[in-house]
Amino acid sequence: MIDTLLNLVFRCGHRRLTRPVTPVKRGDPSQGETYVVCLDCGKQFSYDPKQMRIGKVIENGAGGVPARVNTTPAATRIVRAAVAAIPAAIMFLITLFRVKRNPSK
């Protein structure tokens, strides 16, 4: 859920992509699906070499390359997000309750 919220705010523009990759097995004349990978977020996209266009996201991975799978348990991710939010919360509270001192005293 936190990952989804962060993706809504900080979306990846997929501007840094690998070169198109077509997995080929030795002795197998049929070629696999051509794909590209975003270097920032790790998502794999189908690629049409004839039109030179990026297609839809590949969920399972292409050509025997496993898709990036998040194996961290949800509870651990929530704890990490809460710990990462503590400094921001502290700064917010400091600025909210900042007491201006009178220099004449």
N, C-alpha and C. Protein backbone atom coordinates (compact mmCIF):
# COMPACT_ATOMS: atom_id res chain seq x y z
N MET A 1 0.82 -1.18 0.00
CA MET A 1 0.00 0.00 0.00
C MET A 1 0.87 1.25 0.00
N ILE A 2 1.90 1.25 0.82
CA ILE A 2 2.79 2.40 0.88
C ILE A 2 3.51 2.56 -0.46
N ASP A 3 3.90 1.45 -1.06
CA ASP A 3 4.56 1.49 -2.35
C ASP A 3 3.63 2.11 -3.40
N THR A 4 2.35 1.77 -3.34
CA THR A 4 1.38 2.32 -4.28
C THR A 4 1.24 3.82 -4.09
N LEU A 5 1.18 4.27 -2.82
CA LEU A 5 1.06 5.70 -2.55
C LEU A 5 2.30 6.47 -3.03
N LEU A 6 3.47 5.89 -2.81
CA LEU A 6 4.69 6.54 -3.26
C LEU A 6 4.76 6.60 -4.78
N ASN A 7 4.26 5.55 -5.46
CA ASN A 7 4.25 5.56 -6.92
C ASN A 7 3.31 6.62 -7.46
N LEU A 8 2.22 6.91 -6.73
CA LEU A 8 1.32 7.96 -7.17
C LEU A 8 1.99 9.33 -7.11
N VAL A 9 2.81 9.54 -6.08
CA VAL A 9 3.47 10.83 -5.91
C VAL A 9 4.75 10.91 -6.75
N PHE A 10 5.59 9.90 -6.66
CA PHE A 10 6.88 9.90 -7.34
C PHE A 10 6.89 8.83 -8.42
N ARG A 11 6.21 9.07 -9.50
CA ARG A 11 6.14 8.08 -10.58
C ARG A 11 7.47 8.01 -11.32
N CYS A 12 7.77 6.82 -11.78
CA CYS A 12 8.96 6.63 -12.59
C CYS A 12 8.61 6.96 -14.03
N GLY A 13 9.41 7.81 -14.66
CA GLY A 13 9.16 8.19 -16.04
C GLY A 13 9.69 7.18 -17.03
N HIS A 14 10.39 6.18 -16.57
CA HIS A 14 10.99 5.13 -17.40
C HIS A 14 11.82 5.76 -18.52
N ARG A 15 12.69 6.68 -18.17
CA ARG A 15 13.52 7.36 -19.17
C ARG A 15 14.84 6.65 -19.39
N ARG A 16 15.31 5.94 -18.38
CA ARG A 16 16.58 5.22 -18.50
C ARG A 16 16.27 3.75 -18.71
N LEU A 17 16.39 3.29 -19.95
CA LEU A 17 16.05 1.91 -20.29
C LEU A 17 17.27 1.19 -20.83
N THR A 18 17.27 -0.13 -20.66
CA THR A 18 18.33 -0.94 -21.26
C THR A 18 18.09 -1.03 -22.76
N ARG A 19 19.06 -1.55 -23.44
CA ARG A 19 18.86 -1.85 -24.86
C ARG A 19 17.89 -3.01 -24.97
N PRO A 20 17.20 -3.13 -26.10
CA PRO A 20 16.28 -4.26 -26.25
C PRO A 20 17.02 -5.60 -26.16
N VAL A 21 16.43 -6.52 -25.43
CA VAL A 21 17.02 -7.84 -25.21
C VAL A 21 16.07 -8.89 -25.75
N THR A 22 16.60 -9.81 -26.55
CA THR A 22 15.82 -10.94 -27.04
C THR A 22 16.54 -12.21 -26.62
N PRO A 23 16.00 -12.95 -25.65
CA PRO A 23 16.66 -14.17 -25.21
C PRO A 23 16.64 -15.24 -26.30
N VAL A 24 17.79 -15.84 -26.55
CA VAL A 24 17.92 -16.89 -27.56
C VAL A 24 18.59 -18.09 -26.91
N LYS A 25 17.97 -19.24 -27.06
CA LYS A 25 18.56 -20.47 -26.53
C LYS A 25 19.28 -21.19 -27.65
N ARG A 26 20.39 -21.79 -27.33
CA ARG A 26 21.18 -22.51 -28.32
C ARG A 26 20.40 -23.71 -28.84
N GLY A 27 20.33 -23.84 -30.15
CA GLY A 27 19.64 -24.96 -30.76
C GLY A 27 18.14 -24.74 -30.91
N ASP A 28 17.62 -23.61 -30.43
CA ASP A 28 16.18 -23.33 -30.52
C ASP A 28 15.98 -22.20 -31.53
N PRO A 29 15.41 -22.51 -32.72
CA PRO A 29 15.27 -21.47 -33.74
C PRO A 29 14.23 -20.40 -33.39
N SER A 30 13.29 -20.73 -32.52
CA SER A 30 12.28 -19.73 -32.17
C SER A 30 12.87 -18.77 -31.13
N GLN A 31 12.64 -17.50 -31.36
CA GLN A 31 13.16 -16.49 -30.45
C GLN A 31 12.10 -16.13 -29.42
N GLY A 32 12.57 -15.70 -28.26
CA GLY A 32 11.66 -15.27 -27.21
C GLY A 32 11.18 -13.85 -27.45
N GLU A 33 10.45 -13.35 -26.52
CA GLU A 33 9.90 -12.01 -26.63
C GLU A 33 10.99 -10.97 -26.32
N THR A 34 11.05 -9.94 -27.13
CA THR A 34 12.01 -8.86 -26.91
C THR A 34 11.47 -7.94 -25.82
N TYR A 35 12.36 -7.51 -24.92
CA TYR A 35 11.93 -6.65 -23.82
C TYR A 35 13.03 -5.66 -23.47
N VAL A 36 12.65 -4.62 -22.73
CA VAL A 36 13.58 -3.64 -22.17
C VAL A 36 13.28 -3.54 -20.68
N VAL A 37 14.26 -3.06 -19.92
CA VAL A 37 14.12 -2.94 -18.47
C VAL A 37 14.43 -1.51 -18.07
N CYS A 38 13.59 -0.94 -17.21
CA CYS A 38 13.84 0.40 -16.67
C CYS A 38 14.95 0.30 -15.64
N LEU A 39 15.97 1.13 -15.78
CA LEU A 39 17.11 1.07 -14.87
C LEU A 39 16.81 1.72 -13.52
N ASP A 40 15.75 2.53 -13.44
CA ASP A 40 15.40 3.19 -12.19
C ASP A 40 14.50 2.34 -11.31
N CYS A 41 13.45 1.75 -11.89
CA CYS A 41 12.49 1.01 -11.06
C CYS A 41 12.56 -0.50 -11.27
N GLY A 42 13.23 -0.97 -12.33
CA GLY A 42 13.40 -2.40 -12.54
C GLY A 42 12.25 -3.09 -13.25
N LYS A 43 11.26 -2.33 -13.71
CA LYS A 43 10.14 -2.96 -14.43
C LYS A 43 10.57 -3.37 -15.83
N GLN A 44 9.98 -4.47 -16.30
CA GLN A 44 10.28 -4.97 -17.64
C GLN A 44 9.10 -4.64 -18.56
N PHE A 45 9.42 -4.20 -19.77
CA PHE A 45 8.40 -3.83 -20.75
C PHE A 45 8.64 -4.62 -22.03
N SER A 46 7.54 -5.03 -22.67
CA SER A 46 7.69 -5.67 -23.98
C SER A 46 8.16 -4.61 -24.97
N TYR A 47 8.85 -5.04 -26.01
CA TYR A 47 9.41 -4.10 -26.98
C TYR A 47 9.17 -4.65 -28.38
N ASP A 48 8.68 -3.80 -29.26
CA ASP A 48 8.44 -4.17 -30.65
C ASP A 48 9.60 -3.64 -31.48
N PRO A 49 10.52 -4.52 -31.93
CA PRO A 49 11.69 -4.03 -32.67
C PRO A 49 11.35 -3.50 -34.05
N LYS A 50 10.23 -3.91 -34.63
CA LYS A 50 9.86 -3.41 -35.96
C LYS A 50 9.38 -1.97 -35.89
N GLN A 51 8.57 -1.66 -34.89
CA GLN A 51 8.07 -0.30 -34.73
C GLN A 51 8.93 0.53 -33.78
N MET A 52 9.87 -0.13 -33.10
CA MET A 52 10.75 0.51 -32.12
C MET A 52 9.94 1.23 -31.04
N ARG A 53 8.99 0.50 -30.47
CA ARG A 53 8.13 1.07 -29.44
C ARG A 53 8.08 0.15 -28.22
N ILE A 54 7.93 0.79 -27.07
CA ILE A 54 7.81 0.06 -25.81
C ILE A 54 6.34 -0.30 -25.61
N GLY A 55 6.10 -1.51 -25.16
CA GLY A 55 4.74 -1.98 -24.94
C GLY A 55 4.36 -1.96 -23.47
N LYS A 56 3.55 -2.93 -23.08
CA LYS A 56 3.03 -3.02 -21.72
C LYS A 56 4.04 -3.67 -20.79
N VAL A 57 3.79 -3.53 -19.50
CA VAL A 57 4.65 -4.12 -18.47
C VAL A 57 4.53 -5.63 -18.53
N ILE A 58 5.66 -6.31 -18.40
CA ILE A 58 5.70 -7.77 -18.33
C ILE A 58 5.74 -8.14 -16.86
N GLU A 59 4.72 -8.84 -16.41
CA GLU A 59 4.62 -9.16 -14.98
C GLU A 59 5.49 -10.33 -14.57
N ASN A 60 5.56 -11.38 -15.37
CA ASN A 60 6.25 -12.61 -14.97
C ASN A 60 7.71 -12.65 -15.37
N GLY A 61 8.18 -11.69 -16.11
CA GLY A 61 9.54 -11.72 -16.59
C GLY A 61 9.57 -12.32 -17.98
N ALA A 62 10.60 -12.01 -18.73
CA ALA A 62 10.68 -12.47 -20.12
C ALA A 62 11.87 -13.39 -20.29
N GLY A 63 11.68 -14.42 -21.07
CA GLY A 63 12.78 -15.27 -21.47
C GLY A 63 13.54 -15.91 -20.34
N GLY A 64 12.86 -16.28 -19.30
CA GLY A 64 13.54 -16.94 -18.20
C GLY A 64 14.16 -15.98 -17.21
N VAL A 65 14.02 -14.68 -17.45
CA VAL A 65 14.53 -13.69 -16.50
C VAL A 65 13.41 -13.40 -15.51
N PRO A 66 13.60 -13.71 -14.24
CA PRO A 66 12.51 -13.49 -13.30
C PRO A 66 12.27 -12.00 -13.08
N ALA A 67 10.99 -11.66 -12.96
CA ALA A 67 10.64 -10.27 -12.67
C ALA A 67 11.07 -9.95 -11.25
N ARG A 68 11.25 -8.68 -10.99
CA ARG A 68 11.65 -8.24 -9.66
C ARG A 68 10.50 -8.53 -8.71
N VAL A 69 10.78 -9.34 -7.71
CA VAL A 69 9.75 -9.74 -6.76
C VAL A 69 10.13 -9.21 -5.39
N ASN A 70 9.17 -8.58 -4.74
CA ASN A 70 9.41 -8.06 -3.41
C ASN A 70 9.15 -9.18 -2.42
N THR A 71 10.22 -9.70 -1.80
CA THR A 71 10.09 -10.82 -0.88
C THR A 71 10.07 -10.37 0.57
N THR A 72 10.11 -9.07 0.80
CA THR A 72 10.08 -8.56 2.16
C THR A 72 8.66 -8.66 2.71
N PRO A 73 8.48 -9.21 3.91
CA PRO A 73 7.13 -9.31 4.47
C PRO A 73 6.51 -7.92 4.66
N ALA A 74 5.18 -7.87 4.60
CA ALA A 74 4.46 -6.60 4.69
C ALA A 74 4.73 -5.90 6.03
N ALA A 75 4.80 -6.66 7.12
CA ALA A 75 5.03 -6.06 8.43
C ALA A 75 6.39 -5.37 8.47
N THR A 76 7.40 -5.97 7.86
CA THR A 76 8.73 -5.37 7.83
C THR A 76 8.72 -4.10 7.02
N ARG A 77 8.00 -4.08 5.91
CA ARG A 77 7.93 -2.88 5.09
C ARG A 77 7.23 -1.75 5.83
N ILE A 78 6.19 -2.07 6.59
CA ILE A 78 5.47 -1.05 7.36
C ILE A 78 6.37 -0.48 8.44
N VAL A 79 7.12 -1.33 9.13
CA VAL A 79 8.03 -0.87 10.18
C VAL A 79 9.11 0.03 9.57
N ARG A 80 9.66 -0.36 8.43
CA ARG A 80 10.69 0.47 7.78
C ARG A 80 10.13 1.81 7.36
N ALA A 81 8.92 1.84 6.85
CA ALA A 81 8.31 3.10 6.45
C ALA A 81 8.05 3.99 7.65
N ALA A 82 7.62 3.40 8.77
CA ALA A 82 7.38 4.18 9.98
C ALA A 82 8.68 4.76 10.53
N VAL A 83 9.73 3.97 10.52
CA VAL A 83 11.03 4.46 10.99
C VAL A 83 11.55 5.57 10.08
N ALA A 84 11.34 5.43 8.78
CA ALA A 84 11.79 6.46 7.85
C ALA A 84 10.99 7.76 8.01
N ALA A 85 9.75 7.66 8.50
CA ALA A 85 8.90 8.85 8.66
C ALA A 85 9.17 9.60 9.95
N ILE A 86 9.89 9.00 10.89
CA ILE A 86 10.14 9.63 12.20
C ILE A 86 10.88 10.96 12.06
N PRO A 87 11.98 11.07 11.31
CA PRO A 87 12.66 12.38 11.21
C PRO A 87 11.76 13.47 10.62
N ALA A 88 10.94 13.13 9.66
CA ALA A 88 10.03 14.12 9.09
C ALA A 88 9.00 14.56 10.12
N ALA A 89 8.50 13.63 10.90
CA ALA A 89 7.53 13.97 11.94
C ALA A 89 8.15 14.87 13.01
N ILE A 90 9.38 14.58 13.37
CA ILE A 90 10.07 15.40 14.37
C ILE A 90 10.26 16.82 13.85
N MET A 91 10.70 16.96 12.60
CA MET A 91 10.89 18.29 12.04
C MET A 91 9.56 19.04 11.95
N PHE A 92 8.49 18.33 11.61
CA PHE A 92 7.17 18.96 11.54
C PHE A 92 6.74 19.47 12.90
N LEU A 93 6.92 18.65 13.95
CA LEU A 93 6.53 19.05 15.29
C LEU A 93 7.38 20.21 15.80
N ILE A 94 8.67 20.21 15.49
CA ILE A 94 9.53 21.31 15.91
C ILE A 94 9.08 22.62 15.29
N THR A 95 8.79 22.61 14.01
CA THR A 95 8.34 23.85 13.36
C THR A 95 6.93 24.24 13.81
N LEU A 96 6.09 23.29 14.16
CA LEU A 96 4.74 23.58 14.60
C LEU A 96 4.72 24.23 15.97
N PHE A 97 5.54 23.72 16.87
CA PHE A 97 5.54 24.20 18.25
C PHE A 97 6.74 25.09 18.57
N ARG A 98 7.33 25.68 17.58
CA ARG A 98 8.48 26.54 17.80
C ARG A 98 8.03 27.76 18.63
N VAL A 99 8.76 28.02 19.71
CA VAL A 99 8.46 29.17 20.58
C VAL A 99 9.44 30.26 20.24
N LYS A 100 8.90 31.42 19.90
CA LYS A 100 9.77 32.57 19.61
C LYS A 100 10.20 33.20 20.92
N ARG A 101 11.48 33.38 21.05
CA ARG A 101 12.02 33.95 22.28
C ARG A 101 12.11 35.46 22.14
N ASN A 102 11.87 36.12 23.27
CA ASN A 102 11.95 37.57 23.29
C ASN A 102 13.39 37.96 23.62
N PRO A 103 14.10 38.61 22.70
CA PRO A 103 15.51 38.92 22.97
C PRO A 103 15.74 39.98 24.03
N SER A 104 14.70 40.70 24.49
CA SER A 104 14.90 41.76 25.49
C SER A 104 15.02 41.21 26.89
N LYS A 105 14.70 39.97 27.14
CA LYS A 105 14.80 39.40 28.50
C LYS A 105 16.17 38.99 28.83
